[in-house]
Amino acid sequence: MRPQRAVVTTPGRVELEQFDPPQPQPSQVLLRAITTLISPGTERAFFLNLDITNPSYPLYPGYSFVGEVIACGADVSNLQVGDRVVCPAPHASQAIVDARRCLKVGTDLPDEEAAFFNLLAIAMQGTRKARIELGESVAVLGAGVIGILAMRLAQLSGGLPVIGIDLDEGRLDLARTIGAADIIIGSDNIGADLRSLLGSNGANVVIEATGAPPLVVTAFHLAAARGRVILLGSARGDTERVNFYRDVHRKGLRVIGGHEITRPLHENSPGYWTQISEHQVCLELLSRGRIQVAPLITHRYHWRDFPRAYAHLANWDKEALGILIRWT
């Protein structure tokens, strides 16, 4: 059978198509997919052409790929046929990628858990920008995959306490299951609950991980004077009624854009690491059991059912977090 890949042909329409991958160039490898992971927020936004996405069609989605090397270019020395690797590649049964973007996966890390390497790295680069110091309080708005992973990374960075905030009890339960937050808030009265825990000053660091424009203002309100607000979620639209004088200027807040494209290309610096460096750290954390992701897996689809997986994604099922595609 010829290789298959997912393609979004127009907004809201996804298909599987056959294709013939080229032979690897000297620095490339050809991979056979084992499993890929859907990024629920970003992939849904591009699938449905939501605000600020502006995709071009046809669109080949996906960037969390676990596969096996089946051919190597002439100049590839760090990988060999049979190696199991992760890399940012689309949803497809085969992929051609630069070997320098691939990392070997240790034998102790299951395929399904390794697939979280990239979503964990997205949460990591935002959390890293917060420059959390030991004992600083951290509030994370949103208990989706990225939010839950940001909670756990904030703990590992020294946040104390780390407070997870969401209105969906199912998602909060998952955060509890993997011990991602020290305190959980699930009420509508977030500000009052937070002040009762931390006093009137608020949280030293607030990580906005929902992408909901109105919650940017909430993040400003929850932050302590001279605190930091990390905009980790990609807000889909304009945030209205922001009083920058009251909420940012007078409080002395630092507002930091946490999109992953702000990573450097070549060298690490404090708060800003390259993508491959963070992928390596993520694999280490997963391999050592510092971060548990298996409970975040909520759905599995065979590759032939990819259109059904994306239909599920489009319906915005709050119980859908880790959606895996099996290619073997």
Foldseek 3Di string as FASTA:
>chain_A
DAKWAWWQADQQDIDIDGDHDDAAAQQKFKWFFFKAWDQLPVVLCCNRVFFPPPDDPRDFDWFQTWTFTCGHHNNDDPDDGGFIWIATDGGIRMDMDGPVRIDGFDPLFDPLLLSCLQLLLLLVLLLQLQQDDAAFAEEEEDLFPSRLSNLLVCVVSRHPFYEYEEQDVLSVVLSVVFVSGPYYDNDPPVQVVQCVVVNCFAGQEYEYAPLDQQCVQVSLNRHGQLHEYEDSHNNRDHRPDRDCVVRDVVSVYHYHYSGLVPADPPQDDRSHHHSSVSSVVSSVCSSVVSGDCVSQQDEEEEPNCVSVVSVVSNVPDVSHHIYMYGDD
